Amino acid sequence: MELLGFVAGCLTLLTYVPQAIKTITTKKTRDLSLLTLILLSSGALAWVIYGIGKHLPAVWVTNSIVCLLGLSILAIKLQEKNT
């Protein structure tokens, strides 16, 4: 069952990778919703905490990466907004 959790987590994670790569390379976030980025990052962080608390590596490992990607995009969005 843990393997299925890792597969599911990796598939979810892979949905954010193209957006993160594009955002990091272009530094353009105009069309991205600030609220969505905040909710994504907060939700992923909550899953990390939950996964650690329940000792579920498939949950906390994959969501840690999702959280980092979301925070990276969010940071670029906030920088762009302040310039």
C-alpha atoms as a PDB file:
ATOM      1  CA  MET A   1       0.000   0.000   0.000  1.00  0.00           C
ATOM      2  CA  GLU A   2       2.914   2.358   0.741  1.00  0.00           C
ATOM      3  CA  LEU A   3       4.140   1.892  -2.831  1.00  0.00           C
ATOM      4  CA  LEU A   4       0.746   2.986  -4.143  1.00  0.00           C
ATOM      5  CA  GLY A   5       0.996   6.049  -1.893  1.00  0.00           C
ATOM      6  CA  PHE A   6       4.381   6.937  -3.397  1.00  0.00           C
ATOM      7  CA  VAL A   7       3.055   6.450  -6.937  1.00  0.00           C
ATOM      8  CA  ALA A   8       0.034   8.656  -6.210  1.00  0.00           C
ATOM      9  CA  GLY A   9       2.211  11.288  -4.552  1.00  0.00           C
ATOM     10  CA  CYS A  10       4.692  11.285  -7.430  1.00  0.00           C
ATOM     11  CA  LEU A  11       1.915  11.679  -9.986  1.00  0.00           C
ATOM     12  CA  THR A  12       0.542  14.648  -8.049  1.00  0.00           C
ATOM     13  CA  LEU A  13       4.025  16.073  -7.695  1.00  0.00           C
ATOM     14  CA  LEU A  14       4.675  15.760 -11.420  1.00  0.00           C
ATOM     15  CA  THR A  15       1.706  18.014 -12.163  1.00  0.00           C
ATOM     16  CA  TYR A  16       3.569  20.936 -10.548  1.00  0.00           C
ATOM     17  CA  VAL A  17       6.998  20.338 -12.079  1.00  0.00           C
ATOM     18  CA  PRO A  18       6.297  21.843 -15.544  1.00  0.00           C
ATOM     19  CA  GLN A  19       4.784  24.996 -14.000  1.00  0.00           C
ATOM     20  CA  ALA A  20       7.676  25.344 -11.565  1.00  0.00           C
ATOM     21  CA  ILE A  21      10.272  24.919 -14.310  1.00  0.00           C
ATOM     22  CA  LYS A  22       8.517  27.448 -16.543  1.00  0.00           C
ATOM     23  CA  THR A  23       8.101  29.953 -13.715  1.00  0.00           C
ATOM     24  CA  ILE A  24      11.668  29.601 -12.462  1.00  0.00           C
ATOM     25  CA  THR A  25      13.152  29.965 -15.946  1.00  0.00           C
ATOM     26  CA  THR A  26      10.927  32.804 -17.205  1.00  0.00           C
ATOM     27  CA  LYS A  27      10.273  34.580 -13.869  1.00  0.00           C
ATOM     28  CA  LYS A  28       6.766  35.317 -15.201  1.00  0.00           C
ATOM     29  CA  THR A  29       3.766  34.734 -12.944  1.00  0.00           C
ATOM     30  CA  ARG A  30       1.262  37.313 -14.159  1.00  0.00           C
ATOM     31  CA  ASP A  31      -1.348  34.714 -15.074  1.00  0.00           C
ATOM     32  CA  LEU A  32      -0.953  32.693 -11.883  1.00  0.00           C
ATOM     33  CA  SER A  33      -3.366  33.215  -9.000  1.00  0.00           C
ATOM     34  CA  LEU A  34      -1.720  34.395  -5.786  1.00  0.00           C
ATOM     35  CA  LEU A  35      -4.506  32.805  -3.730  1.00  0.00           C
ATOM     36  CA  THR A  36      -4.052  29.465  -5.498  1.00  0.00           C
ATOM     37  CA  LEU A  37      -0.312  29.497  -4.804  1.00  0.00           C
ATOM     38  CA  ILE A  38      -0.879  30.313  -1.132  1.00  0.00           C
ATOM     39  CA  LEU A  39      -3.494  27.559  -0.790  1.00  0.00           C
ATOM     40  CA  LEU A  40      -1.323  25.022  -2.646  1.00  0.00           C
ATOM     41  CA  SER A  41       1.692  25.707  -0.456  1.00  0.00           C
ATOM     42  CA  SER A  42      -0.365  25.721   2.752  1.00  0.00           C
ATOM     43  CA  GLY A  43      -2.155  22.511   1.826  1.00  0.00           C
ATOM     44  CA  ALA A  44       1.088  20.753   0.950  1.00  0.00           C
ATOM     45  CA  LEU A  45       2.637  21.901   4.242  1.00  0.00           C
ATOM     46  CA  ALA A  46      -0.384  20.564   6.129  1.00  0.00           C
ATOM     47  CA  TRP A  47       0.029  17.209   4.359  1.00  0.00           C
ATOM     48  CA  VAL A  48       3.726  17.170   5.317  1.00  0.00           C
ATOM     49  CA  ILE A  49       2.867  17.707   8.976  1.00  0.00           C
ATOM     50  CA  TYR A  50       0.114  15.085   8.807  1.00  0.00           C
ATOM     51  CA  GLY A  51       2.395  12.586   7.061  1.00  0.00           C
ATOM     52  CA  ILE A  52       5.147  13.062   9.614  1.00  0.00           C
ATOM     53  CA  GLY A  53       2.675  12.750  12.491  1.00  0.00           C
ATOM     54  CA  LYS A  54       1.188   9.546  11.083  1.00  0.00           C
ATOM     55  CA  HIS A  55       4.585   8.144   9.983  1.00  0.00           C
ATOM     56  CA  LEU A  56       3.550   8.044   6.316  1.00  0.00           C
ATOM     57  CA  PRO A  57       6.667   8.651   4.207  1.00  0.00           C
ATOM     58  CA  ALA A  58       4.694   8.550   0.945  1.00  0.00           C
ATOM     59  CA  VAL A  59       2.656  11.519   2.172  1.00  0.00           C
ATOM     60  CA  TRP A  60       5.331  13.698   3.720  1.00  0.00           C
ATOM     61  CA  VAL A  61       8.125  13.080   1.203  1.00  0.00           C
ATOM     62  CA  THR A  62       6.107  13.862  -1.913  1.00  0.00           C
ATOM     63  CA  ASN A  63       4.275  16.773  -0.316  1.00  0.00           C
ATOM     64  CA  SER A  64       7.554  18.255   0.917  1.00  0.00           C
ATOM     65  CA  ILE A  65       8.627  18.559  -2.702  1.00  0.00           C
ATOM     66  CA  VAL A  66       5.227  19.926  -3.761  1.00  0.00           C
ATOM     67  CA  CYS A  67       5.487  22.477  -0.950  1.00  0.00           C
ATOM     68  CA  LEU A  68       8.965  23.549  -2.044  1.00  0.00           C
ATOM     69  CA  LEU A  69       7.837  23.932  -5.649  1.00  0.00           C
ATOM     70  CA  GLY A  70       4.762  25.887  -4.583  1.00  0.00           C
ATOM     71  CA  LEU A  71       6.806  28.157  -2.318  1.00  0.00           C
ATOM     72  CA  SER A  72       9.336  28.739  -5.105  1.00  0.00           C
ATOM     73  CA  ILE A  73       6.588  29.835  -7.485  1.00  0.00           C
ATOM     74  CA  LEU A  74       4.965  31.910  -4.735  1.00  0.00           C
ATOM     75  CA  ALA A  75       8.255  33.673  -3.969  1.00  0.00           C
ATOM     76  CA  ILE A  76       8.682  34.586  -7.630  1.00  0.00           C
ATOM     77  CA  LYS A  77       5.063  35.789  -7.756  1.00  0.00           C
ATOM     78  CA  LEU A  78       5.603  38.015  -4.719  1.00  0.00           C
ATOM     79  CA  GLN A  79       8.871  39.392  -6.124  1.00  0.00           C
ATOM     80  CA  GLU A  80       7.195  40.160  -9.436  1.00  0.00           C
ATOM     81  CA  LYS A  81       4.318  41.865  -7.640  1.00  0.00           C
ATOM     82  CA  ASN A  82       6.706  44.110  -5.684  1.00  0.00           C
ATOM     83  CA  THR A  83       8.684  45.263  -8.717  1.00  0.00           C
END
